[in-house]
Amino acid sequence: MTTELTYLWATLILALVQILLPAAARTAEFGLNWNAGPRDRTPVSTRPLTGRLERAQANLFETLPLFIGAVLLTHFAGMAGFLTLWGTALYFWARVAYVPLYALGVPYIRSLVWLVSLAGLAMVLMAPFV
């Protein structure tokens, strides 16, 4: 497996973790009965951490399809190289750093880390044209 596909695989594991984190926060806040029930009425979260984890998850899911497509297309087209290697690494590690920064409510640095992940995605997308 190539390094780019390994980073894609790791990013998918990160996505699963980011599904579980807000779910656990909601369960901790609303209780196991709410989680196991039909959830017809979801209470409004009063804990900042729950909302932050939900927003961090949504943020990842905005760019994840593009990342998946870019990595797979460059891989199957045989266009992997310097840009895809560094782009996938930047995207993954920035997304990993983004979660605790968002959960802790760290401003500016979180936005900078998001820009790094976007730069990594752009590198993968630019690879066929360089």
Foldseek 3Di string as FASTA:
>chain_A
DDLLVVLLVVVVVVLVVLVVVLLVVQCVQVHPCCVPDPCPDRDDDPDQLSVLSVVLSVVCVVCSVLSVVLSVVCVVVVLDDDLSNVLSVQLRVLSVVLNVCSSVVPPPVSVVSVVSNVSSSVSSVCSVVD
